[in-house]
Amino acid sequence: MSEFPLSVENILEQCGGSAGTSVIVLDEFLNQVPVDEAEMQDGFNSNTLITTSKAAHRLKGTAGVLGADKLHALCAALEIAAKEGHAEEAKKIFADLQVESKRCIDYVPAAKQKLQ
């Protein structure tokens, strides 16, 4: 696993080598994370873990595009735990996911810099 939370090389590859498109994808990630995390939290609050699972699935896809391996793995684990109704396990994973998503968000400016 890379010391960096995102892979600029992976993003570029997924975006057909376009730095401009890569920046757009990073910006969309910045907008998507708070929405997905809020939806995950809503699922916990309303005891509808399927909502949490769906939001984790959505963020997992984005994490894959970004080469955010640790975030991707946490999203996958949360998706499964929530889908299987393991609320306490899912909440623990969600806490780790929030830490890692912040690490990814904090790295976005450096990733954009590398794309210039």
PDB file of N, CA and C in Angstrom:
ATOM      1  N   MET A   1       0.854  -1.176   0.000  1.00  0.00           N
ATOM      2  CA  MET A   1       0.000   0.000   0.000  1.00  0.00           C
ATOM      3  C   MET A   1       0.901   1.242   0.000  1.00  0.00           C
ATOM      4  N   SER A   2       0.527   2.207  -0.773  1.00  0.00           N
ATOM      5  CA  SER A   2       1.303   3.437  -0.921  1.00  0.00           C
ATOM      6  C   SER A   2       1.244   4.291   0.336  1.00  0.00           C
ATOM      7  N   GLU A   3       2.295   5.093   0.523  1.00  0.00           N
ATOM      8  CA  GLU A   3       2.274   6.045   1.637  1.00  0.00           C
ATOM      9  C   GLU A   3       1.263   7.161   1.377  1.00  0.00           C
ATOM     10  N   PHE A   4       0.890   7.338   0.113  1.00  0.00           N
ATOM     11  CA  PHE A   4      -0.081   8.358  -0.258  1.00  0.00           C
ATOM     12  C   PHE A   4      -1.483   7.733  -0.272  1.00  0.00           C
ATOM     13  N   PRO A   5      -2.492   8.477   0.185  1.00  0.00           N
ATOM     14  CA  PRO A   5      -3.830   7.894   0.249  1.00  0.00           C
ATOM     15  C   PRO A   5      -4.510   7.749  -1.112  1.00  0.00           C
ATOM     16  N   LEU A   6      -4.027   8.493  -2.103  1.00  0.00           N
ATOM     17  CA  LEU A   6      -4.568   8.432  -3.466  1.00  0.00           C
ATOM     18  C   LEU A   6      -3.429   8.183  -4.436  1.00  0.00           C
ATOM     19  N   SER A   7      -3.738   7.607  -5.577  1.00  0.00           N
ATOM     20  CA  SER A   7      -2.733   7.376  -6.607  1.00  0.00           C
ATOM     21  C   SER A   7      -3.017   8.274  -7.809  1.00  0.00           C
ATOM     22  N   VAL A   8      -2.196   9.298  -7.980  1.00  0.00           N
ATOM     23  CA  VAL A   8      -2.361  10.197  -9.127  1.00  0.00           C
ATOM     24  C   VAL A   8      -2.225   9.411 -10.423  1.00  0.00           C
ATOM     25  N   GLU A   9      -1.314   8.455 -10.446  1.00  0.00           N
ATOM     26  CA  GLU A   9      -1.125   7.624 -11.642  1.00  0.00           C
ATOM     27  C   GLU A   9      -2.396   6.846 -11.966  1.00  0.00           C
ATOM     28  N   ASN A  10      -3.039   6.309 -10.934  1.00  0.00           N
ATOM     29  CA  ASN A  10      -4.278   5.559 -11.130  1.00  0.00           C
ATOM     30  C   ASN A  10      -5.382   6.469 -11.661  1.00  0.00           C
ATOM     31  N   ILE A  11      -5.485   7.657 -11.085  1.00  0.00           N
ATOM     32  CA  ILE A  11      -6.508   8.605 -11.524  1.00  0.00           C
ATOM     33  C   ILE A  11      -6.300   8.959 -12.990  1.00  0.00           C
ATOM     34  N   LEU A  12      -5.060   9.272 -13.342  1.00  0.00           N
ATOM     35  CA  LEU A  12      -4.753   9.615 -14.735  1.00  0.00           C
ATOM     36  C   LEU A  12      -5.110   8.467 -15.676  1.00  0.00           C
ATOM     37  N   GLU A  13      -4.757   7.267 -15.273  1.00  0.00           N
ATOM     38  CA  GLU A  13      -5.065   6.097 -16.107  1.00  0.00           C
ATOM     39  C   GLU A  13      -6.572   5.939 -16.281  1.00  0.00           C
ATOM     40  N   GLN A  14      -7.321   6.076 -15.173  1.00  0.00           N
ATOM     41  CA  GLN A  14      -8.777   5.938 -15.231  1.00  0.00           C
ATOM     42  C   GLN A  14      -9.429   7.047 -16.050  1.00  0.00           C
ATOM     43  N   CYS A  15      -8.730   8.190 -16.166  1.00  0.00           N
ATOM     44  CA  CYS A  15      -9.270   9.347 -16.892  1.00  0.00           C
ATOM     45  C   CYS A  15      -8.643   9.487 -18.281  1.00  0.00           C
ATOM     46  N   GLY A  16      -8.111   8.407 -18.802  1.00  0.00           N
ATOM     47  CA  GLY A  16      -7.569   8.414 -20.158  1.00  0.00           C
ATOM     48  C   GLY A  16      -6.379   9.339 -20.341  1.00  0.00           C
ATOM     49  N   GLY A  17      -5.642   9.575 -19.266  1.00  0.00           N
ATOM     50  CA  GLY A  17      -4.453  10.420 -19.347  1.00  0.00           C
ATOM     51  C   GLY A  17      -4.741  11.906 -19.280  1.00  0.00           C
ATOM     52  N   SER A  18      -5.981  12.282 -19.080  1.00  0.00           N
ATOM     53  CA  SER A  18      -6.366  13.692 -19.054  1.00  0.00           C
ATOM     54  C   SER A  18      -6.220  14.274 -17.652  1.00  0.00           C
ATOM     55  N   ALA A  19      -5.300  15.219 -17.512  1.00  0.00           N
ATOM     56  CA  ALA A  19      -5.116  15.891 -16.222  1.00  0.00           C
ATOM     57  C   ALA A  19      -6.364  16.694 -15.861  1.00  0.00           C
ATOM     58  N   GLY A  20      -6.974  17.336 -16.851  1.00  0.00           N
ATOM     59  CA  GLY A  20      -8.178  18.132 -16.602  1.00  0.00           C
ATOM     60  C   GLY A  20      -9.325  17.289 -16.066  1.00  0.00           C
ATOM     61  N   THR A  21      -9.535  16.145 -16.683  1.00  0.00           N
ATOM     62  CA  THR A  21     -10.587  15.246 -16.223  1.00  0.00           C
ATOM     63  C   THR A  21     -10.249  14.708 -14.832  1.00  0.00           C
ATOM     64  N   SER A  22      -8.980  14.447 -14.595  1.00  0.00           N
ATOM     65  CA  SER A  22      -8.542  13.958 -13.287  1.00  0.00           C
ATOM     66  C   SER A  22      -8.860  14.968 -12.195  1.00  0.00           C
ATOM     67  N   VAL A  23      -8.651  16.243 -12.473  1.00  0.00           N
ATOM     68  CA  VAL A  23      -8.958  17.294 -11.501  1.00  0.00           C
ATOM     69  C   VAL A  23     -10.469  17.335 -11.236  1.00  0.00           C
ATOM     70  N   ILE A  24     -11.250  17.181 -12.279  1.00  0.00           N
ATOM     71  CA  ILE A  24     -12.712  17.159 -12.120  1.00  0.00           C
ATOM     72  C   ILE A  24     -13.122  15.981 -11.230  1.00  0.00           C
ATOM     73  N   VAL A  25     -12.524  14.823 -11.447  1.00  0.00           N
ATOM     74  CA  VAL A  25     -12.830  13.642 -10.636  1.00  0.00           C
ATOM     75  C   VAL A  25     -12.467  13.901  -9.176  1.00  0.00           C
ATOM     76  N   LEU A  26     -11.329  14.535  -8.937  1.00  0.00           N
ATOM     77  CA  LEU A  26     -10.935  14.864  -7.565  1.00  0.00           C
ATOM     78  C   LEU A  26     -11.922  15.833  -6.926  1.00  0.00           C
ATOM     79  N   ASP A  27     -12.367  16.829  -7.701  1.00  0.00           N
ATOM     80  CA  ASP A  27     -13.351  17.774  -7.173  1.00  0.00           C
ATOM     81  C   ASP A  27     -14.675  17.075  -6.852  1.00  0.00           C
ATOM     82  N   GLU A  28     -15.082  16.156  -7.707  1.00  0.00           N
ATOM     83  CA  GLU A  28     -16.311  15.407  -7.451  1.00  0.00           C
ATOM     84  C   GLU A  28     -16.172  14.552  -6.191  1.00  0.00           C
ATOM     85  N   PHE A  29     -14.987  13.999  -5.990  1.00  0.00           N
ATOM     86  CA  PHE A  29     -14.726  13.228  -4.772  1.00  0.00           C
ATOM     87  C   PHE A  29     -14.900  14.112  -3.538  1.00  0.00           C
ATOM     88  N   LEU A  30     -14.351  15.321  -3.594  1.00  0.00           N
ATOM     89  CA  LEU A  30     -14.477  16.246  -2.463  1.00  0.00           C
ATOM     90  C   LEU A  30     -15.935  16.543  -2.140  1.00  0.00           C
ATOM     91  N   ASN A  31     -16.765  16.631  -3.177  1.00  0.00           N
ATOM     92  CA  ASN A  31     -18.196  16.884  -2.980  1.00  0.00           C
ATOM     93  C   ASN A  31     -18.951  15.635  -2.544  1.00  0.00           C
ATOM     94  N   GLN A  32     -18.510  14.473  -3.011  1.00  0.00           N
ATOM     95  CA  GLN A  32     -19.226  13.228  -2.759  1.00  0.00           C
ATOM     96  C   GLN A  32     -19.025  12.706  -1.340  1.00  0.00           C
ATOM     97  N   VAL A  33     -17.821  12.827  -0.806  1.00  0.00           N
ATOM     98  CA  VAL A  33     -17.534  12.231   0.501  1.00  0.00           C
ATOM     99  C   VAL A  33     -18.495  12.706   1.589  1.00  0.00           C
ATOM    100  N   PRO A  34     -18.701  14.017   1.757  1.00  0.00           N
ATOM    101  CA  PRO A  34     -19.620  14.432   2.832  1.00  0.00           C
ATOM    102  C   PRO A  34     -21.047  13.930   2.627  1.00  0.00           C
ATOM    103  N   VAL A  35     -21.483  13.859   1.390  1.00  0.00           N
ATOM    104  CA  VAL A  35     -22.830  13.365   1.097  1.00  0.00           C
ATOM    105  C   VAL A  35     -22.938  11.883   1.452  1.00  0.00           C
ATOM    106  N   ASP A  36     -21.947  11.099   1.012  1.00  0.00           N
ATOM    107  CA  ASP A  36     -21.982   9.666   1.289  1.00  0.00           C
ATOM    108  C   ASP A  36     -21.848   9.381   2.781  1.00  0.00           C
ATOM    109  N   GLU A  37     -20.946  10.101   3.454  1.00  0.00           N
ATOM    110  CA  GLU A  37     -20.783   9.883   4.890  1.00  0.00           C
ATOM    111  C   GLU A  37     -22.057  10.276   5.652  1.00  0.00           C
ATOM    112  N   ALA A  38     -22.713  11.339   5.232  1.00  0.00           N
ATOM    113  CA  ALA A  38     -23.972  11.737   5.879  1.00  0.00           C
ATOM    114  C   ALA A  38     -25.035  10.664   5.668  1.00  0.00           C
ATOM    115  N   GLU A  39     -25.072  10.092   4.472  1.00  0.00           N
ATOM    116  CA  GLU A  39     -26.045   9.033   4.191  1.00  0.00           C
ATOM    117  C   GLU A  39     -25.743   7.780   5.018  1.00  0.00           C
ATOM    118  N   MET A  40     -24.445   7.480   5.167  1.00  0.00           N
ATOM    119  CA  MET A  40     -24.071   6.340   6.006  1.00  0.00           C
ATOM    120  C   MET A  40     -24.536   6.577   7.446  1.00  0.00           C
ATOM    121  N   GLN A  41     -24.283   7.777   7.953  1.00  0.00           N
ATOM    122  CA  GLN A  41     -24.689   8.120   9.314  1.00  0.00           C
ATOM    123  C   GLN A  41     -26.212   8.081   9.459  1.00  0.00           C
ATOM    124  N   ASP A  42     -26.922   8.564   8.449  1.00  0.00           N
ATOM    125  CA  ASP A  42     -28.387   8.496   8.464  1.00  0.00           C
ATOM    126  C   ASP A  42     -28.867   7.050   8.574  1.00  0.00           C
ATOM    127  N   GLY A  43     -28.176   6.159   7.875  1.00  0.00           N
ATOM    128  CA  GLY A  43     -28.526   4.742   7.954  1.00  0.00           C
ATOM    129  C   GLY A  43     -28.378   4.201   9.365  1.00  0.00           C
ATOM    130  N   PHE A  44     -27.292   4.607  10.035  1.00  0.00           N
ATOM    131  CA  PHE A  44     -27.117   4.196  11.426  1.00  0.00           C
ATOM    132  C   PHE A  44     -28.202   4.812  12.314  1.00  0.00           C
ATOM    133  N   ASN A  45     -28.441   6.109  12.121  1.00  0.00           N
ATOM    134  CA  ASN A  45     -29.405   6.826  12.963  1.00  0.00           C
ATOM    135  C   ASN A  45     -30.820   6.281  12.834  1.00  0.00           C
ATOM    136  N   SER A  46     -31.186   5.897  11.619  1.00  0.00           N
ATOM    137  CA  SER A  46     -32.551   5.410  11.379  1.00  0.00           C
ATOM    138  C   SER A  46     -32.640   3.886  11.436  1.00  0.00           C
ATOM    139  N   ASN A  47     -31.505   3.243  11.749  1.00  0.00           N
ATOM    140  CA  ASN A  47     -31.446   1.784  11.826  1.00  0.00           C
ATOM    141  C   ASN A  47     -31.847   1.123  10.513  1.00  0.00           C
ATOM    142  N   THR A  48     -31.475   1.774   9.412  1.00  0.00           N
ATOM    143  CA  THR A  48     -31.672   1.192   8.082  1.00  0.00           C
ATOM    144  C   THR A  48     -30.287   1.008   7.467  1.00  0.00           C
ATOM    145  N   LEU A  49     -29.650  -0.086   7.858  1.00  0.00           N
ATOM    146  CA  LEU A  49     -28.269  -0.315   7.442  1.00  0.00           C
ATOM    147  C   LEU A  49     -28.122  -0.508   5.935  1.00  0.00           C
ATOM    148  N   ILE A  50     -29.215  -0.805   5.244  1.00  0.00           N
ATOM    149  CA  ILE A  50     -29.118  -0.927   3.780  1.00  0.00           C
ATOM    150  C   ILE A  50     -28.734   0.426   3.181  1.00  0.00           C
ATOM    151  N   THR A  51     -29.193   1.513   3.795  1.00  0.00           N
ATOM    152  CA  THR A  51     -28.811   2.858   3.355  1.00  0.00           C
ATOM    153  C   THR A  51     -27.315   3.048   3.538  1.00  0.00           C
ATOM    154  N   THR A  52     -26.798   2.630   4.682  1.00  0.00           N
ATOM    155  CA  THR A  52     -25.360   2.713   4.947  1.00  0.00           C
ATOM    156  C   THR A  52     -24.594   1.880   3.927  1.00  0.00           C
ATOM    157  N   SER A  53     -25.068   0.689   3.665  1.00  0.00           N
ATOM    158  CA  SER A  53     -24.415  -0.211   2.720  1.00  0.00           C
ATOM    159  C   SER A  53     -24.360   0.383   1.315  1.00  0.00           C
ATOM    160  N   LYS A  54     -25.456   0.965   0.873  1.00  0.00           N
ATOM    161  CA  LYS A  54     -25.498   1.553  -0.476  1.00  0.00           C
ATOM    162  C   LYS A  54     -24.543   2.733  -0.603  1.00  0.00           C
ATOM    163  N   ALA A  55     -24.481   3.578   0.421  1.00  0.00           N
ATOM    164  CA  ALA A  55     -23.570   4.721   0.379  1.00  0.00           C
ATOM    165  C   ALA A  55     -22.117   4.251   0.398  1.00  0.00           C
ATOM    166  N   ALA A  56     -21.830   3.214   1.182  1.00  0.00           N
ATOM    167  CA  ALA A  56     -20.475   2.659   1.218  1.00  0.00           C
ATOM    168  C   ALA A  56     -20.105   2.078  -0.142  1.00  0.00           C
ATOM    169  N   HIS A  57     -21.054   1.439  -0.785  1.00  0.00           N
ATOM    170  CA  HIS A  57     -20.816   0.877  -2.122  1.00  0.00           C
ATOM    171  C   HIS A  57     -20.477   1.977  -3.119  1.00  0.00           C
ATOM    172  N   ARG A  58     -21.221   3.059  -3.069  1.00  0.00           N
ATOM    173  CA  ARG A  58     -20.999   4.174  -3.985  1.00  0.00           C
ATOM    174  C   ARG A  58     -19.600   4.783  -3.775  1.00  0.00           C
ATOM    175  N   LEU A  59     -19.242   5.019  -2.524  1.00  0.00           N
ATOM    176  CA  LEU A  59     -17.933   5.594  -2.235  1.00  0.00           C
ATOM    177  C   LEU A  59     -16.814   4.615  -2.574  1.00  0.00           C
ATOM    178  N   LYS A  60     -17.084   3.336  -2.438  1.00  0.00           N
ATOM    179  CA  LYS A  60     -16.094   2.309  -2.789  1.00  0.00           C
ATOM    180  C   LYS A  60     -15.698   2.421  -4.259  1.00  0.00           C
ATOM    181  N   GLY A  61     -16.678   2.653  -5.122  1.00  0.00           N
ATOM    182  CA  GLY A  61     -16.392   2.797  -6.543  1.00  0.00           C
ATOM    183  C   GLY A  61     -15.486   3.977  -6.823  1.00  0.00           C
ATOM    184  N   THR A  62     -15.775   5.093  -6.191  1.00  0.00           N
ATOM    185  CA  THR A  62     -14.946   6.284  -6.370  1.00  0.00           C
ATOM    186  C   THR A  62     -13.541   6.048  -5.834  1.00  0.00           C
ATOM    187  N   ALA A  63     -13.447   5.413  -4.675  1.00  0.00           N
ATOM    188  CA  ALA A  63     -12.136   5.120  -4.094  1.00  0.00           C
ATOM    189  C   ALA A  63     -11.304   4.251  -5.030  1.00  0.00           C
ATOM    190  N   GLY A  64     -11.960   3.343  -5.733  1.00  0.00           N
ATOM    191  CA  GLY A  64     -11.257   2.500  -6.701  1.00  0.00           C
ATOM    192  C   GLY A  64     -10.678   3.310  -7.838  1.00  0.00           C
ATOM    193  N   VAL A  65     -11.444   4.251  -8.354  1.00  0.00           N
ATOM    194  CA  VAL A  65     -10.969   5.121  -9.435  1.00  0.00           C
ATOM    195  C   VAL A  65      -9.771   5.944  -8.973  1.00  0.00           C
ATOM    196  N   LEU A  66      -9.815   6.381  -7.723  1.00  0.00           N
ATOM    197  CA  LEU A  66      -8.751   7.228  -7.183  1.00  0.00           C
ATOM    198  C   LEU A  66      -7.522   6.441  -6.756  1.00  0.00           C
ATOM    199  N   GLY A  67      -7.605   5.127  -6.771  1.00  0.00           N
ATOM    200  CA  GLY A  67      -6.487   4.334  -6.283  1.00  0.00           C
ATOM    201  C   GLY A  67      -6.303   4.507  -4.787  1.00  0.00           C
ATOM    202  N   ALA A  68      -7.396   4.808  -4.090  1.00  0.00           N
ATOM    203  CA  ALA A  68      -7.378   4.983  -2.638  1.00  0.00           C
ATOM    204  C   ALA A  68      -7.637   3.616  -2.010  1.00  0.00           C
ATOM    205  N   ASP A  69      -6.588   2.795  -1.968  1.00  0.00           N
ATOM    206  CA  ASP A  69      -6.726   1.383  -1.601  1.00  0.00           C
ATOM    207  C   ASP A  69      -7.292   1.171  -0.201  1.00  0.00           C
ATOM    208  N   LYS A  70      -6.799   1.928   0.765  1.00  0.00           N
ATOM    209  CA  LYS A  70      -7.268   1.735   2.144  1.00  0.00           C
ATOM    210  C   LYS A  70      -8.728   2.161   2.269  1.00  0.00           C
ATOM    211  N   LEU A  71      -9.082   3.301   1.662  1.00  0.00           N
ATOM    212  CA  LEU A  71     -10.473   3.751   1.695  1.00  0.00           C
ATOM    213  C   LEU A  71     -11.372   2.745   0.991  1.00  0.00           C
ATOM    214  N   HIS A  72     -10.922   2.224  -0.125  1.00  0.00           N
ATOM    215  CA  HIS A  72     -11.675   1.225  -0.878  1.00  0.00           C
ATOM    216  C   HIS A  72     -11.944  -0.005  -0.012  1.00  0.00           C
ATOM    217  N   ALA A  73     -10.924  -0.474   0.680  1.00  0.00           N
ATOM    218  CA  ALA A  73     -11.075  -1.660   1.526  1.00  0.00           C
ATOM    219  C   ALA A  73     -12.038  -1.396   2.686  1.00  0.00           C
ATOM    220  N   LEU A  74     -11.960  -0.218   3.281  1.00  0.00           N
ATOM    221  CA  LEU A  74     -12.869   0.126   4.377  1.00  0.00           C
ATOM    222  C   LEU A  74     -14.310   0.228   3.885  1.00  0.00           C
ATOM    223  N   CYS A  75     -14.491   0.811   2.719  1.00  0.00           N
ATOM    224  CA  CYS A  75     -15.841   0.895   2.136  1.00  0.00           C
ATOM    225  C   CYS A  75     -16.402  -0.499   1.868  1.00  0.00           C
ATOM    226  N   ALA A  76     -15.561  -1.381   1.342  1.00  0.00           N
ATOM    227  CA  ALA A  76     -16.008  -2.752   1.060  1.00  0.00           C
ATOM    228  C   ALA A  76     -16.401  -3.462   2.355  1.00  0.00           C
ATOM    229  N   ALA A  77     -15.582  -3.305   3.395  1.00  0.00           N
ATOM    230  CA  ALA A  77     -15.882  -3.943   4.679  1.00  0.00           C
ATOM    231  C   ALA A  77     -17.164  -3.380   5.295  1.00  0.00           C
ATOM    232  N   LEU A  78     -17.332  -2.068   5.196  1.00  0.00           N
ATOM    233  CA  LEU A  78     -18.549  -1.444   5.728  1.00  0.00           C
ATOM    234  C   LEU A  78     -19.773  -1.891   4.942  1.00  0.00           C
ATOM    235  N   GLU A  79     -19.645  -1.940   3.647  1.00  0.00           N
ATOM    236  CA  GLU A  79     -20.763  -2.379   2.808  1.00  0.00           C
ATOM    237  C   GLU A  79     -21.242  -3.770   3.234  1.00  0.00           C
ATOM    238  N   ILE A  80     -20.308  -4.681   3.437  1.00  0.00           N
ATOM    239  CA  ILE A  80     -20.658  -6.055   3.814  1.00  0.00           C
ATOM    240  C   ILE A  80     -21.240  -6.108   5.225  1.00  0.00           C
ATOM    241  N   ALA A  81     -20.560  -5.452   6.176  1.00  0.00           N
ATOM    242  CA  ALA A  81     -21.045  -5.484   7.566  1.00  0.00           C
ATOM    243  C   ALA A  81     -22.451  -4.910   7.666  1.00  0.00           C
ATOM    244  N   ALA A  82     -22.691  -3.800   6.979  1.00  0.00           N
ATOM    245  CA  ALA A  82     -24.014  -3.175   7.025  1.00  0.00           C
ATOM    246  C   ALA A  82     -25.054  -4.056   6.337  1.00  0.00           C
ATOM    247  N   LYS A  83     -24.684  -4.611   5.195  1.00  0.00           N
ATOM    248  CA  LYS A  83     -25.618  -5.469   4.454  1.00  0.00           C
ATOM    249  C   LYS A  83     -26.013  -6.686   5.274  1.00  0.00           C
ATOM    250  N   GLU A  84     -25.065  -7.186   6.074  1.00  0.00           N
ATOM    251  CA  GLU A  84     -25.330  -8.365   6.892  1.00  0.00           C
ATOM    252  C   GLU A  84     -25.956  -8.017   8.241  1.00  0.00           C
ATOM    253  N   GLY A  85     -26.163  -6.709   8.498  1.00  0.00           N
ATOM    254  CA  GLY A  85     -26.840  -6.278   9.706  1.00  0.00           C
ATOM    255  C   GLY A  85     -25.979  -6.234  10.956  1.00  0.00           C
ATOM    256  N   HIS A  86     -24.672  -6.208  10.789  1.00  0.00           N
ATOM    257  CA  HIS A  86     -23.743  -6.157  11.925  1.00  0.00           C
ATOM    258  C   HIS A  86     -23.479  -4.697  12.291  1.00  0.00           C
ATOM    259  N   ALA A  87     -24.409  -4.093  13.006  1.00  0.00           N
ATOM    260  CA  ALA A  87     -24.388  -2.653  13.269  1.00  0.00           C
ATOM    261  C   ALA A  87     -23.149  -2.212  14.043  1.00  0.00           C
ATOM    262  N   GLU A  88     -22.788  -2.917  15.102  1.00  0.00           N
ATOM    263  CA  GLU A  88     -21.641  -2.482  15.919  1.00  0.00           C
ATOM    264  C   GLU A  88     -20.342  -2.569  15.126  1.00  0.00           C
ATOM    265  N   GLU A  89     -20.165  -3.644  14.400  1.00  0.00           N
ATOM    266  CA  GLU A  89     -18.976  -3.795  13.550  1.00  0.00           C
ATOM    267  C   GLU A  89     -18.954  -2.694  12.489  1.00  0.00           C
ATOM    268  N   ALA A  90     -20.106  -2.443  11.893  1.00  0.00           N
ATOM    269  CA  ALA A  90     -20.211  -1.414  10.855  1.00  0.00           C
ATOM    270  C   ALA A  90     -19.860  -0.037  11.404  1.00  0.00           C
ATOM    271  N   LYS A  91     -20.288   0.258  12.618  1.00  0.00           N
ATOM    272  CA  LYS A  91     -19.982   1.562  13.229  1.00  0.00           C
ATOM    273  C   LYS A  91     -18.484   1.724  13.463  1.00  0.00           C
ATOM    274  N   LYS A  92     -17.825   0.658  13.870  1.00  0.00           N
ATOM    275  CA  LYS A  92     -16.372   0.718  14.062  1.00  0.00           C
ATOM    276  C   LYS A  92     -15.659   0.948  12.732  1.00  0.00           C
ATOM    277  N   ILE A  93     -16.093   0.256  11.724  1.00  0.00           N
ATOM    278  CA  ILE A  93     -15.496   0.421  10.394  1.00  0.00           C
ATOM    279  C   ILE A  93     -15.753   1.844   9.894  1.00  0.00           C
ATOM    280  N   PHE A  94     -16.951   2.342  10.129  1.00  0.00           N
ATOM    281  CA  PHE A  94     -17.305   3.693   9.697  1.00  0.00           C
ATOM    282  C   PHE A  94     -16.386   4.730  10.336  1.00  0.00           C
ATOM    283  N   ALA A  95     -16.054   4.552  11.595  1.00  0.00           N
ATOM    284  CA  ALA A  95     -15.139   5.484  12.266  1.00  0.00           C
ATOM    285  C   ALA A  95     -13.771   5.482  11.574  1.00  0.00           C
ATOM    286  N   ASP A  96     -13.272   4.296  11.233  1.00  0.00           N
ATOM    287  CA  ASP A  96     -11.994   4.202  10.514  1.00  0.00           C
ATOM    288  C   ASP A  96     -12.113   4.800   9.111  1.00  0.00           C
ATOM    289  N   LEU A  97     -13.246   4.571   8.477  1.00  0.00           N
ATOM    290  CA  LEU A  97     -13.490   5.109   7.139  1.00  0.00           C
ATOM    291  C   LEU A  97     -13.450   6.636   7.157  1.00  0.00           C
ATOM    292  N   GLN A  98     -14.036   7.235   8.185  1.00  0.00           N
ATOM    293  CA  GLN A  98     -14.037   8.695   8.277  1.00  0.00           C
ATOM    294  C   GLN A  98     -12.621   9.248   8.416  1.00  0.00           C
ATOM    295  N   VAL A  99     -11.797   8.575   9.181  1.00  0.00           N
ATOM    296  CA  VAL A  99     -10.399   9.002   9.337  1.00  0.00           C
ATOM    297  C   VAL A  99      -9.678   8.904   7.997  1.00  0.00           C
ATOM    298  N   GLU A 100      -9.872   7.797   7.303  1.00  0.00           N
ATOM    299  CA  GLU A 100      -9.179   7.608   6.023  1.00  0.00           C
ATOM    300  C   GLU A 100      -9.715   8.540   4.948  1.00  0.00           C
ATOM    301  N   SER A 101     -11.009   8.787   4.929  1.00  0.00           N
ATOM    302  CA  SER A 101     -11.549   9.700   3.915  1.00  0.00           C
ATOM    303  C   SER A 101     -11.009  11.112   4.139  1.00  0.00           C
ATOM    304  N   LYS A 102     -10.824  11.505   5.400  1.00  0.00           N
ATOM    305  CA  LYS A 102     -10.230  12.812   5.683  1.00  0.00           C
ATOM    306  C   LYS A 102      -8.790  12.863   5.197  1.00  0.00           C
ATOM    307  N   ARG A 103      -8.069  11.767   5.391  1.00  0.00           N
ATOM    308  CA  ARG A 103      -6.686  11.699   4.903  1.00  0.00           C
ATOM    309  C   ARG A 103      -6.655  11.874   3.377  1.00  0.00           C
ATOM    310  N   CYS A 104      -7.593  11.246   2.698  1.00  0.00           N
ATOM    311  CA  CYS A 104      -7.686  11.378   1.234  1.00  0.00           C
ATOM    312  C   CYS A 104      -8.037  12.812   0.849  1.00  0.00           C
ATOM    313  N   ILE A 105      -9.025  13.384   1.528  1.00  0.00           N
ATOM    314  CA  ILE A 105      -9.440  14.762   1.238  1.00  0.00           C
ATOM    315  C   ILE A 105      -8.274  15.719   1.450  1.00  0.00           C
ATOM    316  N   ASP A 106      -7.547  15.527   2.529  1.00  0.00           N
ATOM    317  CA  ASP A 106      -6.415  16.399   2.827  1.00  0.00           C
ATOM    318  C   ASP A 106      -5.305  16.285   1.786  1.00  0.00           C
ATOM    319  N   TYR A 107      -5.242  15.158   1.089  1.00  0.00           N
ATOM    320  CA  TYR A 107      -4.209  14.935   0.069  1.00  0.00           C
ATOM    321  C   TYR A 107      -4.604  15.494  -1.302  1.00  0.00           C
ATOM    322  N   VAL A 108      -5.865  15.790  -1.509  1.00  0.00           N
ATOM    323  CA  VAL A 108      -6.327  16.238  -2.832  1.00  0.00           C
ATOM    324  C   VAL A 108      -5.550  17.442  -3.362  1.00  0.00           C
ATOM    325  N   PRO A 109      -5.267  18.489  -2.570  1.00  0.00           N
ATOM    326  CA  PRO A 109      -4.481  19.599  -3.120  1.00  0.00           C
ATOM    327  C   PRO A 109      -3.109  19.162  -3.653  1.00  0.00           C
ATOM    328  N   ALA A 110      -2.452  18.257  -2.963  1.00  0.00           N
ATOM    329  CA  ALA A 110      -1.153  17.758  -3.436  1.00  0.00           C
ATOM    330  C   ALA A 110      -1.318  16.940  -4.713  1.00  0.00           C
ATOM    331  N   ALA A 111      -2.399  16.161  -4.781  1.00  0.00           N
ATOM    332  CA  ALA A 111      -2.663  15.384  -5.992  1.00  0.00           C
ATOM    333  C   ALA A 111      -2.912  16.317  -7.180  1.00  0.00           C
ATOM    334  N   LYS A 112      -3.685  17.373  -6.962  1.00  0.00           N
ATOM    335  CA  LYS A 112      -3.932  18.356  -8.035  1.00  0.00           C
ATOM    336  C   LYS A 112      -2.630  19.010  -8.475  1.00  0.00           C
ATOM    337  N   GLN A 113      -1.769  19.305  -7.519  1.00  0.00           N
ATOM    338  CA  GLN A 113      -0.471  19.916  -7.832  1.00  0.00           C
ATOM    339  C   GLN A 113       0.332  19.010  -8.751  1.00  0.00           C
ATOM    340  N   LYS A 114       0.314  17.706  -8.480  1.00  0.00           N
ATOM    341  CA  LYS A 114       1.037  16.743  -9.297  1.00  0.00           C
ATOM    342  C   LYS A 114       0.473  16.661 -10.716  1.00  0.00           C
ATOM    343  N   LEU A 115      -0.798  17.009 -10.859  1.00  0.00           N
ATOM    344  CA  LEU A 115      -1.437  16.934 -12.172  1.00  0.00           C
ATOM    345  C   LEU A 115      -1.144  18.152 -13.048  1.00  0.00           C
ATOM    346  N   GLN A 116      -0.556  19.179 -12.465  1.00  0.00           N
ATOM    347  CA  GLN A 116      -0.288  20.395 -13.240  1.00  0.00           C
ATOM    348  C   GLN A 116       1.011  20.301 -14.001  1.00  0.00           C
TER     349      GLN A 116
END
